[in-house]
Amino acid sequence: MYRVPHGSVLGPLLFLLYINDIENCVRNATVKLFVDDTNLFVHGKSLSEAFDKANDAVNLLQDWFVVNKLSLNEIQKNHVTLYLDVIILLPVLALSN
């Protein structure tokens, strides 16, 4: 296993260089990085479509992690499902002559 000494000045820079291409491995999803957290955002017209996209993206991310000799922290792995079902009622417009 290869490591950068904890507290090293080069540590954050080397980490960013190491994971810089993670966004390119996923399609139909957005990957956002913050410090050492990786967030995956997917959306769909239905919950099942979003679920399928999320599963595909997680599998692609898992492949990327394996190739780059990294692993997911199972304890800190979470997901949140948000959905918006909005019905907008517009007033009937009457055109005057």
C-alpha atoms as a PDB file:
ATOM      1  CA  MET A   1       0.000   0.000   0.000  1.00  0.00           C
ATOM      2  CA  TYR A   2       1.320   3.452  -0.896  1.00  0.00           C
ATOM      3  CA  ARG A   3       0.734   6.388   1.398  1.00  0.00           C
ATOM      4  CA  VAL A   4       1.609  10.029   1.840  1.00  0.00           C
ATOM      5  CA  PRO A   5       2.656  10.850   5.399  1.00  0.00           C
ATOM      6  CA  HIS A   6      -0.264  12.257   7.401  1.00  0.00           C
ATOM      7  CA  GLY A   7       0.053  16.018   7.798  1.00  0.00           C
ATOM      8  CA  SER A   8       2.308  16.345   4.770  1.00  0.00           C
ATOM      9  CA  VAL A   9       2.131  19.637   2.868  1.00  0.00           C
ATOM     10  CA  LEU A  10       2.033  17.665  -0.377  1.00  0.00           C
ATOM     11  CA  GLY A  11      -0.749  15.363   0.819  1.00  0.00           C
ATOM     12  CA  PRO A  12      -3.760  17.450  -0.292  1.00  0.00           C
ATOM     13  CA  LEU A  13      -2.172  18.322  -3.643  1.00  0.00           C
ATOM     14  CA  LEU A  14      -1.219  14.723  -4.397  1.00  0.00           C
ATOM     15  CA  PHE A  15      -4.701  13.564  -3.405  1.00  0.00           C
ATOM     16  CA  LEU A  16      -6.333  16.070  -5.767  1.00  0.00           C
ATOM     17  CA  LEU A  17      -4.036  15.045  -8.607  1.00  0.00           C
ATOM     18  CA  TYR A  18      -4.746  11.405  -7.896  1.00  0.00           C
ATOM     19  CA  ILE A  19      -8.539  11.702  -8.047  1.00  0.00           C
ATOM     20  CA  ASN A  20      -8.733  14.500 -10.619  1.00  0.00           C
ATOM     21  CA  ASP A  21     -10.228  12.258 -13.338  1.00  0.00           C
ATOM     22  CA  ILE A  22     -12.969  10.680 -11.192  1.00  0.00           C
ATOM     23  CA  GLU A  23     -15.609  12.916 -12.795  1.00  0.00           C
ATOM     24  CA  ASN A  24     -14.810  11.442 -16.219  1.00  0.00           C
ATOM     25  CA  CYS A  25     -15.675   7.877 -15.243  1.00  0.00           C
ATOM     26  CA  VAL A  26     -19.388   8.470 -14.643  1.00  0.00           C
ATOM     27  CA  ARG A  27     -22.069   9.211 -17.217  1.00  0.00           C
ATOM     28  CA  ASN A  28     -25.657  10.304 -16.542  1.00  0.00           C
ATOM     29  CA  ALA A  29     -24.611  11.676 -13.162  1.00  0.00           C
ATOM     30  CA  THR A  30     -22.673  14.546 -11.652  1.00  0.00           C
ATOM     31  CA  VAL A  31     -19.706  13.966  -9.362  1.00  0.00           C
ATOM     32  CA  LYS A  32     -18.808  16.699  -6.885  1.00  0.00           C
ATOM     33  CA  LEU A  33     -15.681  16.581  -4.759  1.00  0.00           C
ATOM     34  CA  PHE A  34     -15.134  18.387  -1.479  1.00  0.00           C
ATOM     35  CA  VAL A  35     -11.909  17.741   0.379  1.00  0.00           C
ATOM     36  CA  ASP A  36     -11.932  13.937   0.637  1.00  0.00           C
ATOM     37  CA  ASP A  37     -15.682  13.456   0.140  1.00  0.00           C
ATOM     38  CA  THR A  38     -17.148  12.340  -3.167  1.00  0.00           C
ATOM     39  CA  ASN A  39     -20.787  13.156  -3.880  1.00  0.00           C
ATOM     40  CA  LEU A  40     -22.816  11.695  -6.698  1.00  0.00           C
ATOM     41  CA  PHE A  41     -25.932  13.441  -7.983  1.00  0.00           C
ATOM     42  CA  VAL A  42     -28.450  11.780 -10.284  1.00  0.00           C
ATOM     43  CA  HIS A  43     -31.921  12.713 -11.409  1.00  0.00           C
ATOM     44  CA  GLY A  44     -34.659  11.108 -13.407  1.00  0.00           C
ATOM     45  CA  LYS A  45     -38.223  11.512 -14.499  1.00  0.00           C
ATOM     46  CA  SER A  46     -39.188   8.737 -12.102  1.00  0.00           C
ATOM     47  CA  LEU A  47     -37.744   7.275  -8.948  1.00  0.00           C
ATOM     48  CA  SER A  48     -36.913   4.022 -10.731  1.00  0.00           C
ATOM     49  CA  GLU A  49     -35.046   5.899 -13.495  1.00  0.00           C
ATOM     50  CA  ALA A  50     -33.014   7.815 -10.901  1.00  0.00           C
ATOM     51  CA  PHE A  51     -32.360   4.558  -9.007  1.00  0.00           C
ATOM     52  CA  ASP A  52     -31.113   2.842 -12.185  1.00  0.00           C
ATOM     53  CA  LYS A  53     -28.842   5.791 -13.010  1.00  0.00           C
ATOM     54  CA  ALA A  54     -27.498   5.815  -9.455  1.00  0.00           C
ATOM     55  CA  ASN A  55     -26.754   2.078  -9.561  1.00  0.00           C
ATOM     56  CA  ASP A  56     -24.960   2.429 -12.904  1.00  0.00           C
ATOM     57  CA  ALA A  57     -22.952   5.390 -11.620  1.00  0.00           C
ATOM     58  CA  VAL A  58     -21.991   3.631  -8.377  1.00  0.00           C
ATOM     59  CA  ASN A  59     -20.834   0.576 -10.336  1.00  0.00           C
ATOM     60  CA  LEU A  60     -18.711   2.789 -12.605  1.00  0.00           C
ATOM     61  CA  LEU A  61     -17.293   4.566  -9.560  1.00  0.00           C
ATOM     62  CA  GLN A  62     -16.517   1.231  -7.927  1.00  0.00           C
ATOM     63  CA  ASP A  63     -14.619   0.172 -11.061  1.00  0.00           C
ATOM     64  CA  TRP A  64     -12.686   3.465 -10.978  1.00  0.00           C
ATOM     65  CA  PHE A  65     -11.848   2.921  -7.290  1.00  0.00           C
ATOM     66  CA  VAL A  66     -10.555  -0.595  -7.991  1.00  0.00           C
ATOM     67  CA  VAL A  67      -8.419   0.541 -10.944  1.00  0.00           C
ATOM     68  CA  ASN A  68      -6.954   3.345  -8.807  1.00  0.00           C
ATOM     69  CA  LYS A  69      -6.366   1.041  -5.822  1.00  0.00           C
ATOM     70  CA  LEU A  70      -8.862   2.868  -3.612  1.00  0.00           C
ATOM     71  CA  SER A  71     -11.896   1.626  -1.708  1.00  0.00           C
ATOM     72  CA  LEU A  72     -15.235   2.989  -0.569  1.00  0.00           C
ATOM     73  CA  ASN A  73     -15.732   3.460   3.132  1.00  0.00           C
ATOM     74  CA  GLU A  74     -18.831   1.331   3.716  1.00  0.00           C
ATOM     75  CA  ILE A  75     -19.479   2.964   7.079  1.00  0.00           C
ATOM     76  CA  GLN A  76     -19.683   6.476   5.632  1.00  0.00           C
ATOM     77  CA  LYS A  77     -21.594   5.541   2.479  1.00  0.00           C
ATOM     78  CA  ASN A  78     -25.038   7.166   2.493  1.00  0.00           C
ATOM     79  CA  HIS A  79     -27.758   8.088   0.080  1.00  0.00           C
ATOM     80  CA  VAL A  80     -30.582  10.557   0.191  1.00  0.00           C
ATOM     81  CA  THR A  81     -33.614  10.402  -2.036  1.00  0.00           C
ATOM     82  CA  LEU A  82     -35.311  13.683  -2.782  1.00  0.00           C
ATOM     83  CA  TYR A  83     -38.176  14.056  -5.127  1.00  0.00           C
ATOM     84  CA  LEU A  84     -40.484  16.826  -6.123  1.00  0.00           C
ATOM     85  CA  ASP A  85     -43.963  16.176  -7.360  1.00  0.00           C
ATOM     86  CA  VAL A  86     -45.483  19.520  -8.154  1.00  0.00           C
ATOM     87  CA  ILE A  87     -48.795  20.254  -9.755  1.00  0.00           C
ATOM     88  CA  ILE A  88     -49.077  23.834 -10.854  1.00  0.00           C
ATOM     89  CA  LEU A  89     -52.578  25.168 -11.369  1.00  0.00           C
ATOM     90  CA  LEU A  90     -52.614  28.149 -13.658  1.00  0.00           C
ATOM     91  CA  PRO A  91     -55.579  30.517 -13.791  1.00  0.00           C
ATOM     92  CA  VAL A  92     -57.681  30.393 -16.920  1.00  0.00           C
ATOM     93  CA  LEU A  93     -56.855  33.376 -19.069  1.00  0.00           C
ATOM     94  CA  ALA A  94     -59.613  35.152 -20.935  1.00  0.00           C
ATOM     95  CA  LEU A  95     -58.646  37.165 -23.946  1.00  0.00           C
ATOM     96  CA  SER A  96     -60.668  40.293 -24.546  1.00  0.00           C
ATOM     97  CA  ASN A  97     -61.415  41.527 -28.092  1.00  0.00           C
END
